[in-house]
């Protein structure tokens, strides 16, 4: 799958701009999108569409979670589940 074609000379600059754009997005939602892409290689079209729908709906749950006091606990639970303990930021103290 190709989303952009750039010349060799523009590759580094384009890649950095794209990385910066992705980094500015919601980390949990980016993780969900990454999960969908990774799973797409392992599943049928029907299963992939079901997964995509579930992840899309899950992304809206983050809006609700971010507005509650439970956000830090639930966010860390999400990160632990999807990224493993080695990517979970540790609290200072």
PDB file of N, CA and C in Angstrom:
ATOM      1  N   UNK A   1       0.844  -1.165   0.000  1.00  0.00           N
ATOM      2  CA  UNK A   1       0.000   0.000   0.000  1.00  0.00           C
ATOM      3  C   UNK A   1       0.897   1.239   0.000  1.00  0.00           C
ATOM      4  N   UNK A   2       0.609   2.164  -0.868  1.00  0.00           N
ATOM      5  CA  UNK A   2       1.384   3.395  -0.976  1.00  0.00           C
ATOM      6  C   UNK A   2       0.449   4.568  -0.752  1.00  0.00           C
ATOM      7  N   UNK A   3       0.851   5.469   0.152  1.00  0.00           N
ATOM      8  CA  UNK A   3       0.021   6.655   0.377  1.00  0.00           C
ATOM      9  C   UNK A   3       0.646   7.910  -0.228  1.00  0.00           C
ATOM     10  N   UNK A   4       1.959   7.910  -0.403  1.00  0.00           N
ATOM     11  CA  UNK A   4       2.656   9.049  -0.988  1.00  0.00           C
ATOM     12  C   UNK A   4       3.866   8.556  -1.777  1.00  0.00           C
ATOM     13  N   UNK A   5       4.191   9.273  -2.807  1.00  0.00           N
ATOM     14  CA  UNK A   5       5.417   9.016  -3.556  1.00  0.00           C
ATOM     15  C   UNK A   5       6.212  10.315  -3.541  1.00  0.00           C
ATOM     16  N   UNK A   6       7.456  10.221  -3.073  1.00  0.00           N
ATOM     17  CA  UNK A   6       8.308  11.408  -3.011  1.00  0.00           C
ATOM     18  C   UNK A   6       9.668  11.068  -3.615  1.00  0.00           C
ATOM     19  N   UNK A   7      10.369  12.089  -4.042  1.00  0.00           N
ATOM     20  CA  UNK A   7      11.704  11.888  -4.616  1.00  0.00           C
ATOM     21  C   UNK A   7      12.688  11.547  -3.500  1.00  0.00           C
ATOM     22  N   UNK A   8      13.807  10.987  -3.889  1.00  0.00           N
ATOM     23  CA  UNK A   8      14.854  10.651  -2.915  1.00  0.00           C
ATOM     24  C   UNK A   8      15.285  11.876  -2.119  1.00  0.00           C
ATOM     25  N   UNK A   9      15.376  13.003  -2.797  1.00  0.00           N
ATOM     26  CA  UNK A   9      15.821  14.231  -2.138  1.00  0.00           C
ATOM     27  C   UNK A   9      14.828  14.717  -1.080  1.00  0.00           C
ATOM     28  N   UNK A  10      13.558  14.452  -1.273  1.00  0.00           N
ATOM     29  CA  UNK A  10      12.528  14.940  -0.355  1.00  0.00           C
ATOM     30  C   UNK A  10      12.128  13.908   0.702  1.00  0.00           C
ATOM     31  N   UNK A  11      12.689  12.716   0.638  1.00  0.00           N
ATOM     32  CA  UNK A  11      12.247  11.625   1.501  1.00  0.00           C
ATOM     33  C   UNK A  11      12.424  11.915   2.986  1.00  0.00           C
ATOM     34  N   UNK A  12      13.580  12.371   3.397  1.00  0.00           N
ATOM     35  CA  UNK A  12      13.839  12.628   4.816  1.00  0.00           C
ATOM     36  C   UNK A  12      12.909  13.715   5.337  1.00  0.00           C
ATOM     37  N   UNK A  13      12.825  14.817   4.633  1.00  0.00           N
ATOM     38  CA  UNK A  13      11.969  15.931   5.069  1.00  0.00           C
ATOM     39  C   UNK A  13      10.512  15.494   5.153  1.00  0.00           C
ATOM     40  N   UNK A  14      10.044  14.778   4.146  1.00  0.00           N
ATOM     41  CA  UNK A  14       8.662  14.308   4.148  1.00  0.00           C
ATOM     42  C   UNK A  14       8.414  13.354   5.311  1.00  0.00           C
ATOM     43  N   UNK A  15       9.355  12.444   5.550  1.00  0.00           N
ATOM     44  CA  UNK A  15       9.207  11.469   6.641  1.00  0.00           C
ATOM     45  C   UNK A  15       9.154  12.159   7.994  1.00  0.00           C
ATOM     46  N   UNK A  16       9.993  13.159   8.186  1.00  0.00           N
ATOM     47  CA  UNK A  16       9.987  13.896   9.451  1.00  0.00           C
ATOM     48  C   UNK A  16       8.685  14.652   9.654  1.00  0.00           C
ATOM     49  N   UNK A  17       8.165  15.258   8.590  1.00  0.00           N
ATOM     50  CA  UNK A  17       6.889  15.965   8.696  1.00  0.00           C
ATOM     51  C   UNK A  17       5.754  15.002   9.020  1.00  0.00           C
ATOM     52  N   UNK A  18       5.749  13.850   8.381  1.00  0.00           N
ATOM     53  CA  UNK A  18       4.720  12.853   8.648  1.00  0.00           C
ATOM     54  C   UNK A  18       4.827  12.329  10.075  1.00  0.00           C
ATOM     55  N   UNK A  19       6.052  12.073  10.535  1.00  0.00           N
ATOM     56  CA  UNK A  19       6.254  11.613  11.912  1.00  0.00           C
ATOM     57  C   UNK A  19       5.781  12.653  12.913  1.00  0.00           C
ATOM     58  N   UNK A  20       6.050  13.922  12.629  1.00  0.00           N
ATOM     59  CA  UNK A  20       5.614  14.996  13.523  1.00  0.00           C
ATOM     60  C   UNK A  20       4.087  15.077  13.558  1.00  0.00           C
ATOM     61  N   UNK A  21       3.453  14.901  12.417  1.00  0.00           N
ATOM     62  CA  UNK A  21       1.991  14.924  12.360  1.00  0.00           C
ATOM     63  C   UNK A  21       1.396  13.777  13.180  1.00  0.00           C
ATOM     64  N   UNK A  22       1.952  12.580  13.029  1.00  0.00           N
ATOM     65  CA  UNK A  22       1.457  11.431  13.786  1.00  0.00           C
ATOM     66  C   UNK A  22       1.697  11.629  15.279  1.00  0.00           C
ATOM     67  N   UNK A  23       2.873  12.151  15.646  1.00  0.00           N
ATOM     68  CA  UNK A  23       3.201  12.373  17.053  1.00  0.00           C
ATOM     69  C   UNK A  23       2.279  13.393  17.708  1.00  0.00           C
ATOM     70  N   UNK A  24       1.692  14.288  16.922  1.00  0.00           N
ATOM     71  CA  UNK A  24       0.806  15.303  17.487  1.00  0.00           C
ATOM     72  C   UNK A  24      -0.613  14.766  17.734  1.00  0.00           C
ATOM     73  N   UNK A  25      -0.878  13.567  17.253  1.00  0.00           N
ATOM     74  CA  UNK A  25      -2.208  12.978  17.409  1.00  0.00           C
ATOM     75  C   UNK A  25      -2.345  12.277  18.758  1.00  0.00           C
ATOM     76  N   UNK A  26      -3.557  11.920  19.087  1.00  0.00           N
ATOM     77  CA  UNK A  26      -3.845  11.201  20.326  1.00  0.00           C
ATOM     78  C   UNK A  26      -3.115   9.862  20.335  1.00  0.00           C
ATOM     79  N   UNK A  27      -2.272   9.646  21.337  1.00  0.00           N
ATOM     80  CA  UNK A  27      -1.487   8.409  21.412  1.00  0.00           C
ATOM     81  C   UNK A  27      -2.365   7.157  21.454  1.00  0.00           C
ATOM     82  N   UNK A  28      -3.437   7.139  22.254  1.00  0.00           N
ATOM     83  CA  UNK A  28      -4.276   5.933  22.257  1.00  0.00           C
ATOM     84  C   UNK A  28      -4.932   5.666  20.907  1.00  0.00           C
ATOM     85  N   UNK A  29      -5.367   6.693  20.223  1.00  0.00           N
ATOM     86  CA  UNK A  29      -6.025   6.501  18.932  1.00  0.00           C
ATOM     87  C   UNK A  29      -5.008   6.063  17.875  1.00  0.00           C
ATOM     88  N   UNK A  30      -3.796   6.603  17.933  1.00  0.00           N
ATOM     89  CA  UNK A  30      -2.747   6.149  17.016  1.00  0.00           C
ATOM     90  C   UNK A  30      -2.445   4.672  17.273  1.00  0.00           C
ATOM     91  N   UNK A  31      -2.412   4.276  18.543  1.00  0.00           N
ATOM     92  CA  UNK A  31      -2.180   2.865  18.875  1.00  0.00           C
ATOM     93  C   UNK A  31      -3.286   1.979  18.316  1.00  0.00           C
ATOM     94  N   UNK A  32      -4.535   2.457  18.370  1.00  0.00           N
ATOM     95  CA  UNK A  32      -5.651   1.689  17.804  1.00  0.00           C
ATOM     96  C   UNK A  32      -5.496   1.559  16.290  1.00  0.00           C
ATOM     97  N   UNK A  33      -5.104   2.645  15.641  1.00  0.00           N
ATOM     98  CA  UNK A  33      -4.915   2.592  14.194  1.00  0.00           C
ATOM     99  C   UNK A  33      -3.786   1.627  13.833  1.00  0.00           C
ATOM    100  N   UNK A  34      -2.717   1.660  14.611  1.00  0.00           N
ATOM    101  CA  UNK A  34      -1.598   0.750  14.361  1.00  0.00           C
ATOM    102  C   UNK A  34      -2.047  -0.697  14.542  1.00  0.00           C
ATOM    103  N   UNK A  35      -2.845  -0.952  15.562  1.00  0.00           N
ATOM    104  CA  UNK A  35      -3.364  -2.304  15.784  1.00  0.00           C
ATOM    105  C   UNK A  35      -4.185  -2.765  14.585  1.00  0.00           C
ATOM    106  N   UNK A  36      -5.029  -1.891  14.059  1.00  0.00           N
ATOM    107  CA  UNK A  36      -5.862  -2.246  12.903  1.00  0.00           C
ATOM    108  C   UNK A  36      -5.003  -2.602  11.699  1.00  0.00           C
ATOM    109  N   UNK A  37      -3.960  -1.817  11.452  1.00  0.00           N
ATOM    110  CA  UNK A  37      -3.088  -2.092  10.316  1.00  0.00           C
ATOM    111  C   UNK A  37      -2.352  -3.406  10.519  1.00  0.00           C
ATOM    112  N   UNK A  38      -1.804  -3.614  11.703  1.00  0.00           N
ATOM    113  CA  UNK A  38      -1.062  -4.849  11.971  1.00  0.00           C
ATOM    114  C   UNK A  38      -1.951  -6.084  11.854  1.00  0.00           C
ATOM    115  N   UNK A  39      -3.158  -6.011  12.373  1.00  0.00           N
ATOM    116  CA  UNK A  39      -4.080  -7.150  12.318  1.00  0.00           C
ATOM    117  C   UNK A  39      -4.582  -7.406  10.906  1.00  0.00           C
ATOM    118  N   UNK A  40      -4.564  -6.391  10.064  1.00  0.00           N
ATOM    119  CA  UNK A  40      -5.091  -6.562   8.706  1.00  0.00           C
ATOM    120  C   UNK A  40      -4.302  -7.595   7.907  1.00  0.00           C
ATOM    121  N   UNK A  41      -3.070  -7.825   8.296  1.00  0.00           N
ATOM    122  CA  UNK A  41      -2.248  -8.814   7.603  1.00  0.00           C
ATOM    123  C   UNK A  41      -2.583 -10.241   8.027  1.00  0.00           C
ATOM    124  N   UNK A  42      -3.325 -10.380   9.138  1.00  0.00           N
ATOM    125  CA  UNK A  42      -3.574 -11.696   9.721  1.00  0.00           C
ATOM    126  C   UNK A  42      -5.019 -12.162   9.590  1.00  0.00           C
ATOM    127  N   UNK A  43      -5.908 -11.307   9.113  1.00  0.00           N
ATOM    128  CA  UNK A  43      -7.328 -11.630   9.154  1.00  0.00           C
ATOM    129  C   UNK A  43      -7.963 -11.558   7.769  1.00  0.00           C
ATOM    130  N   UNK A  44      -9.168 -12.084   7.705  1.00  0.00           N
ATOM    131  CA  UNK A  44      -9.953 -11.971   6.477  1.00  0.00           C
ATOM    132  C   UNK A  44     -10.530 -10.562   6.386  1.00  0.00           C
ATOM    133  N   UNK A  45     -11.100 -10.241   5.250  1.00  0.00           N
ATOM    134  CA  UNK A  45     -11.716  -8.928   5.078  1.00  0.00           C
ATOM    135  C   UNK A  45     -12.851  -8.730   6.072  1.00  0.00           C
ATOM    136  N   UNK A  46     -13.700  -9.733   6.241  1.00  0.00           N
ATOM    137  CA  UNK A  46     -14.839  -9.625   7.165  1.00  0.00           C
ATOM    138  C   UNK A  46     -14.366  -9.401   8.597  1.00  0.00           C
ATOM    139  N   UNK A  47     -13.368 -10.175   9.023  1.00  0.00           N
ATOM    140  CA  UNK A  47     -12.838  -9.999  10.379  1.00  0.00           C
ATOM    141  C   UNK A  47     -12.184  -8.635  10.530  1.00  0.00           C
ATOM    142  N   UNK A  48     -11.474  -8.196   9.495  1.00  0.00           N
ATOM    143  CA  UNK A  48     -10.831  -6.895   9.526  1.00  0.00           C
ATOM    144  C   UNK A  48     -11.827  -5.757   9.647  1.00  0.00           C
ATOM    145  N   UNK A  49     -12.938  -5.866   8.951  1.00  0.00           N
ATOM    146  CA  UNK A  49     -13.967  -4.823   9.038  1.00  0.00           C
ATOM    147  C   UNK A  49     -14.593  -4.790  10.422  1.00  0.00           C
ATOM    148  N   UNK A  50     -14.804  -5.964  11.018  1.00  0.00           N
ATOM    149  CA  UNK A  50     -15.339  -5.997  12.384  1.00  0.00           C
ATOM    150  C   UNK A  50     -14.368  -5.377  13.376  1.00  0.00           C
ATOM    151  N   UNK A  51     -13.092  -5.709  13.218  1.00  0.00           N
ATOM    152  CA  UNK A  51     -12.078  -5.129  14.090  1.00  0.00           C
ATOM    153  C   UNK A  51     -12.014  -3.619  13.899  1.00  0.00           C
ATOM    154  N   UNK A  52     -12.027  -3.173  12.665  1.00  0.00           N
ATOM    155  CA  UNK A  52     -11.979  -1.738  12.388  1.00  0.00           C
ATOM    156  C   UNK A  52     -13.157  -1.019  13.042  1.00  0.00           C
ATOM    157  N   UNK A  53     -14.341  -1.600  12.946  1.00  0.00           N
ATOM    158  CA  UNK A  53     -15.521  -0.992  13.577  1.00  0.00           C
ATOM    159  C   UNK A  53     -15.351  -0.918  15.089  1.00  0.00           C
ATOM    160  N   UNK A  54     -14.861  -2.012  15.701  1.00  0.00           N
ATOM    161  CA  UNK A  54     -14.674  -2.028  17.159  1.00  0.00           C
ATOM    162  C   UNK A  54     -13.648  -0.980  17.586  1.00  0.00           C
ATOM    163  N   UNK A  55     -12.555  -0.892  16.867  1.00  0.00           N
ATOM    164  CA  UNK A  55     -11.527   0.081  17.221  1.00  0.00           C
ATOM    165  C   UNK A  55     -12.001   1.510  16.996  1.00  0.00           C
ATOM    166  N   UNK A  56     -12.769   1.727  15.944  1.00  0.00           N
ATOM    167  CA  UNK A  56     -13.328   3.054  15.676  1.00  0.00           C
ATOM    168  C   UNK A  56     -14.239   3.482  16.825  1.00  0.00           C
ATOM    169  N   UNK A  57     -15.095   2.567  17.279  1.00  0.00           N
ATOM    170  CA  UNK A  57     -15.980   2.868  18.395  1.00  0.00           C
ATOM    171  C   UNK A  57     -15.198   3.085  19.682  1.00  0.00           C
ATOM    172  N   UNK A  58     -14.135   2.318  19.853  1.00  0.00           N
ATOM    173  CA  UNK A  58     -13.292   2.476  21.033  1.00  0.00           C
ATOM    174  C   UNK A  58     -12.655   3.857  21.060  1.00  0.00           C
ATOM    175  N   UNK A  59     -12.296   4.372  19.902  1.00  0.00           N
ATOM    176  CA  UNK A  59     -11.658   5.688  19.869  1.00  0.00           C
ATOM    177  C   UNK A  59     -12.579   6.765  20.427  1.00  0.00           C
ATOM    178  N   UNK A  60     -13.882   6.623  20.240  1.00  0.00           N
ATOM    179  CA  UNK A  60     -14.817   7.599  20.801  1.00  0.00           C
ATOM    180  C   UNK A  60     -14.916   7.469  22.307  1.00  0.00           C
ATOM    181  N   UNK A  61     -14.667   6.285  22.837  1.00  0.00           N
ATOM    182  CA  UNK A  61     -14.693   6.104  24.284  1.00  0.00           C
ATOM    183  C   UNK A  61     -13.594   6.922  24.944  1.00  0.00           C
ATOM    184  N   UNK A  62     -12.495   7.167  24.234  1.00  0.00           N
ATOM    185  CA  UNK A  62     -11.420   7.946  24.809  1.00  0.00           C
ATOM    186  C   UNK A  62     -11.831   9.379  25.094  1.00  0.00           C
ATOM    187  N   UNK A  63     -12.742   9.920  24.324  1.00  0.00           N
ATOM    188  CA  UNK A  63     -13.233  11.274  24.596  1.00  0.00           C
ATOM    189  C   UNK A  63     -13.882  11.308  25.964  1.00  0.00           C
ATOM    190  N   UNK A  64     -14.707  10.303  26.245  1.00  0.00           N
ATOM    191  CA  UNK A  64     -15.374  10.224  27.545  1.00  0.00           C
ATOM    192  C   UNK A  64     -14.358   9.994  28.654  1.00  0.00           C
ATOM    193  N   UNK A  65     -13.418   9.106  28.427  1.00  0.00           N
ATOM    194  CA  UNK A  65     -12.417   8.806  29.437  1.00  0.00           C
ATOM    195  C   UNK A  65     -11.576  10.040  29.745  1.00  0.00           C
ATOM    196  N   UNK A  66     -11.204  10.778  28.729  1.00  0.00           N
ATOM    197  CA  UNK A  66     -10.365  11.956  28.933  1.00  0.00           C
ATOM    198  C   UNK A  66     -11.078  13.038  29.747  1.00  0.00           C
ATOM    199  N   UNK A  67     -12.392  12.994  29.789  1.00  0.00           N
ATOM    200  CA  UNK A  67     -13.164  14.004  30.528  1.00  0.00           C
ATOM    201  C   UNK A  67     -13.459  13.581  31.962  1.00  0.00           C
ATOM    202  N   UNK A  68     -12.994  12.434  32.381  1.00  0.00           N
ATOM    203  CA  UNK A  68     -13.273  11.951  33.733  1.00  0.00           C
ATOM    204  C   UNK A  68     -12.013  11.963  34.569  1.00  0.00           C
ATOM    205  N   UNK A  69     -12.211  11.806  35.860  1.00  0.00           N
ATOM    206  CA  UNK A  69     -11.054  11.729  36.761  1.00  0.00           C
ATOM    207  C   UNK A  69     -10.364  10.384  36.682  1.00  0.00           C
ATOM    208  N   UNK A  70     -11.010   9.424  36.054  1.00  0.00           N
ATOM    209  CA  UNK A  70     -10.417   8.109  35.923  1.00  0.00           C
ATOM    210  C   UNK A  70      -9.411   8.054  34.780  1.00  0.00           C
ATOM    211  N   UNK A  71      -9.270   9.116  34.040  1.00  0.00           N
ATOM    212  CA  UNK A  71      -8.451   9.096  32.838  1.00  0.00           C
ATOM    213  C   UNK A  71      -7.050   8.550  33.067  1.00  0.00           C
ATOM    214  N   UNK A  72      -6.287   9.028  34.064  1.00  0.00           N
ATOM    215  CA  UNK A  72      -4.918   8.504  34.185  1.00  0.00           C
ATOM    216  C   UNK A  72      -4.878   6.992  34.402  1.00  0.00           C
ATOM    217  N   UNK A  73      -5.733   6.465  35.264  1.00  0.00           N
ATOM    218  CA  UNK A  73      -5.740   5.038  35.546  1.00  0.00           C
ATOM    219  C   UNK A  73      -6.136   4.245  34.308  1.00  0.00           C
ATOM    220  N   UNK A  74      -7.194   4.669  33.616  1.00  0.00           N
ATOM    221  CA  UNK A  74      -7.654   3.952  32.435  1.00  0.00           C
ATOM    222  C   UNK A  74      -6.668   4.066  31.283  1.00  0.00           C
ATOM    223  N   UNK A  75      -6.032   5.221  31.151  1.00  0.00           N
ATOM    224  CA  UNK A  75      -5.049   5.414  30.089  1.00  0.00           C
ATOM    225  C   UNK A  75      -3.848   4.492  30.309  1.00  0.00           C
ATOM    226  N   UNK A  76      -3.364   4.414  31.555  1.00  0.00           N
ATOM    227  CA  UNK A  76      -2.247   3.524  31.842  1.00  0.00           C
ATOM    228  C   UNK A  76      -2.632   2.071  31.629  1.00  0.00           C
ATOM    229  N   UNK A  77      -3.877   1.716  31.964  1.00  0.00           N
ATOM    230  CA  UNK A  77      -4.352   0.354  31.710  1.00  0.00           C
ATOM    231  C   UNK A  77      -4.341   0.072  30.206  1.00  0.00           C
ATOM    232  N   UNK A  78      -4.794   1.034  29.413  1.00  0.00           N
ATOM    233  CA  UNK A  78      -4.792   0.882  27.956  1.00  0.00           C
ATOM    234  C   UNK A  78      -3.369   0.697  27.442  1.00  0.00           C
ATOM    235  N   UNK A  79      -2.462   1.563  27.886  1.00  0.00           N
ATOM    236  CA  UNK A  79      -1.085   1.475  27.415  1.00  0.00           C
ATOM    237  C   UNK A  79      -0.458   0.143  27.786  1.00  0.00           C
ATOM    238  N   UNK A  80      -0.709  -0.316  28.995  1.00  0.00           N
ATOM    239  CA  UNK A  80      -0.157  -1.593  29.432  1.00  0.00           C
ATOM    240  C   UNK A  80      -0.678  -2.717  28.558  1.00  0.00           C
ATOM    241  N   UNK A  81      -1.962  -2.682  28.242  1.00  0.00           N
ATOM    242  CA  UNK A  81      -2.567  -3.739  27.429  1.00  0.00           C
ATOM    243  C   UNK A  81      -2.048  -3.719  25.996  1.00  0.00           C
ATOM    244  N   UNK A  82      -1.957  -2.539  25.396  1.00  0.00           N
ATOM    245  CA  UNK A  82      -1.622  -2.443  23.977  1.00  0.00           C
ATOM    246  C   UNK A  82      -0.127  -2.287  23.689  1.00  0.00           C
ATOM    247  N   UNK A  83       0.621  -1.762  24.632  1.00  0.00           N
ATOM    248  CA  UNK A  83       2.026  -1.473  24.358  1.00  0.00           C
ATOM    249  C   UNK A  83       2.985  -2.289  25.218  1.00  0.00           C
ATOM    250  N   UNK A  84       2.482  -2.930  26.249  1.00  0.00           N
ATOM    251  CA  UNK A  84       3.363  -3.652  27.166  1.00  0.00           C
ATOM    252  C   UNK A  84       3.952  -2.719  28.200  1.00  0.00           C
ATOM    253  N   UNK A  85       4.436  -3.267  29.276  1.00  0.00           N
ATOM    254  CA  UNK A  85       4.949  -2.467  30.389  1.00  0.00           C
ATOM    255  C   UNK A  85       6.149  -1.611  30.025  1.00  0.00           C
ATOM    256  N   UNK A  86       6.937  -2.026  29.030  1.00  0.00           N
ATOM    257  CA  UNK A  86       8.148  -1.277  28.712  1.00  0.00           C
ATOM    258  C   UNK A  86       7.868   0.060  28.036  1.00  0.00           C
ATOM    259  N   UNK A  87       6.630   0.309  27.597  1.00  0.00           N
ATOM    260  CA  UNK A  87       6.300   1.594  26.979  1.00  0.00           C
ATOM    261  C   UNK A  87       5.421   2.464  27.873  1.00  0.00           C
ATOM    262  N   UNK A  88       5.063   1.987  29.055  1.00  0.00           N
ATOM    263  CA  UNK A  88       4.185   2.751  29.938  1.00  0.00           C
ATOM    264  C   UNK A  88       5.023   3.754  30.715  1.00  0.00           C
ATOM    265  N   UNK A  89       4.662   5.047  30.616  1.00  0.00           N
ATOM    266  CA  UNK A  89       5.424   6.064  31.350  1.00  0.00           C
ATOM    267  C   UNK A  89       5.257   5.867  32.848  1.00  0.00           C
ATOM    268  N   UNK A  90       6.320   6.007  33.590  1.00  0.00           N
ATOM    269  CA  UNK A  90       6.270   5.824  35.030  1.00  0.00           C
ATOM    270  C   UNK A  90       6.026   7.173  35.697  1.00  0.00           C
ATOM    271  N   UNK A  91       5.210   7.152  36.758  1.00  0.00           N
ATOM    272  CA  UNK A  91       4.917   8.386  37.503  1.00  0.00           C
ATOM    273  C   UNK A  91       6.135   8.793  38.317  1.00  0.00           C
ATOM    274  N   UNK A  92       6.334  10.103  38.422  1.00  0.00           N
ATOM    275  CA  UNK A  92       7.439  10.606  39.227  1.00  0.00           C
ATOM    276  C   UNK A  92       7.087  10.441  40.705  1.00  0.00           C
ATOM    277  N   UNK A  93       8.099  10.210  41.515  1.00  0.00           N
ATOM    278  CA  UNK A  93       7.845  10.168  42.949  1.00  0.00           C
ATOM    279  C   UNK A  93       8.303   8.998  43.643  1.00  0.00           C
TER     280      UNK A  93
END
